[in-house]
Amino acid sequence: MGLQICPKCKERSFTWFISGKTQLTTWSCFDCDYEAKQTDNEEQVCENCKETSKIKLKDKEKEYSWCSNCNTTSEL
């Protein structure tokens, strides 16, 4: 998967890796150092673009849904 648009800084520098200890998917931005954990492994259909590309992310402040296709976010 290529770089995605970061939900925080809006730069195309957002990507993921799997943590060895917890096996959780972590999303991280190379530009602004934003980091969020993926809380659900199943992608959902995005209400905005109708693609199956919406996941749940949780950072230090909030939990929200994010679509990697159209880059929209929504509060949970």
N, C-alpha and C. Protein backbone atom coordinates (compact mmCIF):
# COMPACT_ATOMS: atom_id res chain seq x y z
N MET A 1 0.84 -1.17 0.00
CA MET A 1 0.00 0.00 0.00
C MET A 1 0.89 1.24 0.00
N GLY A 2 0.51 2.22 -0.79
CA GLY A 2 1.27 3.47 -0.87
C GLY A 2 0.92 4.39 0.28
N LEU A 3 1.55 5.53 0.26
CA LEU A 3 1.28 6.53 1.30
C LEU A 3 -0.12 7.10 1.16
N GLN A 4 -0.75 7.34 2.28
CA GLN A 4 -2.09 7.91 2.33
C GLN A 4 -2.01 9.35 2.84
N ILE A 5 -3.12 10.07 2.74
CA ILE A 5 -3.18 11.44 3.25
C ILE A 5 -3.45 11.38 4.76
N CYS A 6 -2.60 12.03 5.52
CA CYS A 6 -2.70 12.04 6.98
C CYS A 6 -3.97 12.78 7.41
N PRO A 7 -4.77 12.19 8.32
CA PRO A 7 -5.98 12.88 8.79
C PRO A 7 -5.68 14.12 9.63
N LYS A 8 -4.45 14.27 10.10
CA LYS A 8 -4.12 15.43 10.92
C LYS A 8 -3.51 16.57 10.10
N CYS A 9 -2.41 16.30 9.37
CA CYS A 9 -1.72 17.38 8.65
C CYS A 9 -2.09 17.47 7.18
N LYS A 10 -2.83 16.48 6.66
CA LYS A 10 -3.31 16.45 5.28
C LYS A 10 -2.21 16.27 4.23
N GLU A 11 -1.02 15.82 4.65
CA GLU A 11 0.07 15.54 3.72
C GLU A 11 0.05 14.06 3.34
N ARG A 12 0.54 13.73 2.17
CA ARG A 12 0.58 12.33 1.73
C ARG A 12 1.82 11.66 2.33
N SER A 13 1.72 11.36 3.62
CA SER A 13 2.84 10.76 4.34
C SER A 13 2.37 9.82 5.46
N PHE A 14 1.19 9.26 5.32
CA PHE A 14 0.55 8.41 6.33
C PHE A 14 0.65 6.96 5.87
N THR A 15 1.23 6.09 6.69
CA THR A 15 1.34 4.69 6.35
C THR A 15 1.21 3.84 7.61
N TRP A 16 1.21 2.54 7.47
CA TRP A 16 0.97 1.67 8.61
C TRP A 16 2.10 0.65 8.77
N PHE A 17 2.17 0.11 9.99
CA PHE A 17 3.05 -1.01 10.30
C PHE A 17 2.39 -1.83 11.40
N ILE A 18 2.82 -3.07 11.54
CA ILE A 18 2.26 -3.95 12.58
C ILE A 18 3.27 -4.07 13.70
N SER A 19 2.82 -3.75 14.91
CA SER A 19 3.67 -3.82 16.09
C SER A 19 3.94 -5.28 16.44
N GLY A 20 5.19 -5.59 16.71
CA GLY A 20 5.57 -6.96 17.03
C GLY A 20 4.99 -7.50 18.31
N LYS A 21 4.92 -6.68 19.35
CA LYS A 21 4.44 -7.14 20.66
C LYS A 21 2.93 -7.36 20.68
N THR A 22 2.18 -6.38 20.22
CA THR A 22 0.73 -6.42 20.35
C THR A 22 0.02 -6.91 19.09
N GLN A 23 0.73 -6.96 17.97
CA GLN A 23 0.14 -7.32 16.68
C GLN A 23 -0.95 -6.35 16.24
N LEU A 24 -0.94 -5.13 16.81
CA LEU A 24 -1.88 -4.10 16.40
C LEU A 24 -1.31 -3.33 15.21
N THR A 25 -2.19 -2.91 14.32
CA THR A 25 -1.77 -2.08 13.21
C THR A 25 -1.68 -0.64 13.69
N THR A 26 -0.53 -0.03 13.49
CA THR A 26 -0.30 1.35 13.88
C THR A 26 -0.11 2.18 12.62
N TRP A 27 -0.84 3.29 12.54
CA TRP A 27 -0.72 4.24 11.44
C TRP A 27 0.13 5.41 11.92
N SER A 28 1.06 5.83 11.08
CA SER A 28 1.99 6.87 11.48
C SER A 28 2.25 7.81 10.31
N CYS A 29 2.42 9.10 10.63
CA CYS A 29 2.70 10.12 9.62
C CYS A 29 4.18 10.50 9.69
N PHE A 30 4.85 10.43 8.55
CA PHE A 30 6.26 10.81 8.49
C PHE A 30 6.44 12.32 8.53
N ASP A 31 5.40 13.08 8.23
CA ASP A 31 5.52 14.53 8.15
C ASP A 31 5.29 15.21 9.51
N CYS A 32 4.21 14.84 10.20
CA CYS A 32 3.88 15.53 11.46
C CYS A 32 4.02 14.64 12.69
N ASP A 33 4.47 13.41 12.52
CA ASP A 33 4.66 12.45 13.62
C ASP A 33 3.37 12.02 14.30
N TYR A 34 2.22 12.25 13.66
CA TYR A 34 0.94 11.79 14.20
C TYR A 34 0.92 10.26 14.18
N GLU A 35 0.31 9.66 15.22
CA GLU A 35 0.22 8.21 15.30
C GLU A 35 -1.14 7.81 15.85
N ALA A 36 -1.71 6.75 15.29
CA ALA A 36 -2.99 6.22 15.75
C ALA A 36 -2.98 4.70 15.59
N LYS A 37 -3.67 4.03 16.48
CA LYS A 37 -3.79 2.57 16.43
C LYS A 37 -5.10 2.21 15.74
N GLN A 38 -5.04 1.20 14.90
CA GLN A 38 -6.25 0.70 14.26
C GLN A 38 -6.95 -0.21 15.25
N THR A 39 -8.23 0.06 15.54
CA THR A 39 -8.94 -0.69 16.59
C THR A 39 -9.80 -1.82 16.06
N ASP A 40 -9.93 -1.93 14.74
CA ASP A 40 -10.74 -2.98 14.15
C ASP A 40 -10.07 -3.40 12.85
N ASN A 41 -9.90 -4.69 12.63
CA ASN A 41 -9.21 -5.16 11.43
C ASN A 41 -10.08 -5.21 10.18
N GLU A 42 -11.38 -5.08 10.33
CA GLU A 42 -12.27 -5.15 9.18
C GLU A 42 -12.57 -3.76 8.63
N GLU A 43 -12.40 -3.62 7.32
CA GLU A 43 -12.77 -2.37 6.67
C GLU A 43 -14.28 -2.32 6.48
N GLN A 44 -14.83 -1.13 6.56
CA GLN A 44 -16.27 -0.92 6.39
C GLN A 44 -16.51 -0.08 5.15
N VAL A 45 -17.75 -0.05 4.70
CA VAL A 45 -18.13 0.77 3.56
C VAL A 45 -18.25 2.22 4.02
N CYS A 46 -17.59 3.10 3.32
CA CYS A 46 -17.63 4.53 3.63
C CYS A 46 -18.95 5.12 3.13
N GLU A 47 -19.60 5.91 3.97
CA GLU A 47 -20.86 6.54 3.59
C GLU A 47 -20.65 7.62 2.53
N ASN A 48 -19.46 8.19 2.49
CA ASN A 48 -19.17 9.28 1.58
C ASN A 48 -18.85 8.80 0.15
N CYS A 49 -17.92 7.85 0.02
CA CYS A 49 -17.47 7.41 -1.31
C CYS A 49 -17.99 6.03 -1.72
N LYS A 50 -18.63 5.33 -0.80
CA LYS A 50 -19.22 4.00 -1.03
C LYS A 50 -18.19 2.90 -1.27
N GLU A 51 -16.92 3.15 -0.97
CA GLU A 51 -15.87 2.14 -1.10
C GLU A 51 -15.65 1.44 0.25
N THR A 52 -15.19 0.21 0.22
CA THR A 52 -14.88 -0.53 1.44
C THR A 52 -13.45 -0.17 1.84
N SER A 53 -13.31 0.99 2.47
CA SER A 53 -11.98 1.49 2.81
C SER A 53 -11.98 2.32 4.10
N LYS A 54 -13.01 2.14 4.92
CA LYS A 54 -13.12 2.89 6.18
C LYS A 54 -12.69 2.00 7.34
N ILE A 55 -11.81 2.54 8.20
CA ILE A 55 -11.35 1.81 9.37
C ILE A 55 -11.52 2.68 10.61
N LYS A 56 -11.41 2.04 11.78
CA LYS A 56 -11.47 2.77 13.05
C LYS A 56 -10.05 2.99 13.55
N LEU A 57 -9.77 4.24 13.94
CA LEU A 57 -8.47 4.60 14.49
C LEU A 57 -8.65 5.25 15.85
N LYS A 58 -7.65 5.07 16.72
CA LYS A 58 -7.67 5.68 18.05
C LYS A 58 -6.31 6.30 18.31
N ASP A 59 -6.32 7.60 18.63
CA ASP A 59 -5.07 8.27 19.01
C ASP A 59 -5.13 8.61 20.49
N LYS A 60 -4.27 9.47 20.96
CA LYS A 60 -4.22 9.82 22.38
C LYS A 60 -5.43 10.60 22.85
N GLU A 61 -6.14 11.23 21.92
CA GLU A 61 -7.25 12.11 22.29
C GLU A 61 -8.64 11.58 21.94
N LYS A 62 -8.76 10.80 20.85
CA LYS A 62 -10.10 10.41 20.40
C LYS A 62 -10.06 9.12 19.59
N GLU A 63 -11.23 8.57 19.37
CA GLU A 63 -11.41 7.43 18.48
C GLU A 63 -12.35 7.86 17.36
N TYR A 64 -12.02 7.51 16.14
CA TYR A 64 -12.79 7.97 15.00
C TYR A 64 -12.67 7.00 13.83
N SER A 65 -13.51 7.18 12.83
CA SER A 65 -13.42 6.42 11.59
C SER A 65 -12.72 7.26 10.55
N TRP A 66 -11.93 6.59 9.71
CA TRP A 66 -11.18 7.27 8.65
C TRP A 66 -11.25 6.44 7.38
N CYS A 67 -11.52 7.08 6.27
CA CYS A 67 -11.58 6.40 4.98
C CYS A 67 -10.28 6.69 4.21
N SER A 68 -9.56 5.64 3.85
CA SER A 68 -8.30 5.82 3.12
C SER A 68 -8.54 6.16 1.64
N ASN A 69 -9.76 5.97 1.16
CA ASN A 69 -10.06 6.28 -0.23
C ASN A 69 -10.37 7.78 -0.43
N CYS A 70 -11.27 8.32 0.38
CA CYS A 70 -11.68 9.73 0.20
C CYS A 70 -11.16 10.64 1.32
N ASN A 71 -10.44 10.05 2.29
CA ASN A 71 -9.79 10.79 3.37
C ASN A 71 -10.75 11.55 4.27
N THR A 72 -11.95 11.05 4.45
CA THR A 72 -12.89 11.67 5.38
C THR A 72 -12.76 11.02 6.75
N THR A 73 -13.04 11.78 7.77
CA THR A 73 -13.07 11.26 9.14
C THR A 73 -14.44 11.53 9.74
N SER A 74 -14.81 10.70 10.70
CA SER A 74 -16.06 10.92 11.43
C SER A 74 -15.89 10.41 12.85
N GLU A 75 -16.46 11.15 13.78
CA GLU A 75 -16.39 10.78 15.20
C GLU A 75 -17.19 9.51 15.43
N LEU A 76 -16.77 8.74 16.41
CA LEU A 76 -17.52 7.52 16.78
C LEU A 76 -18.45 7.82 17.93
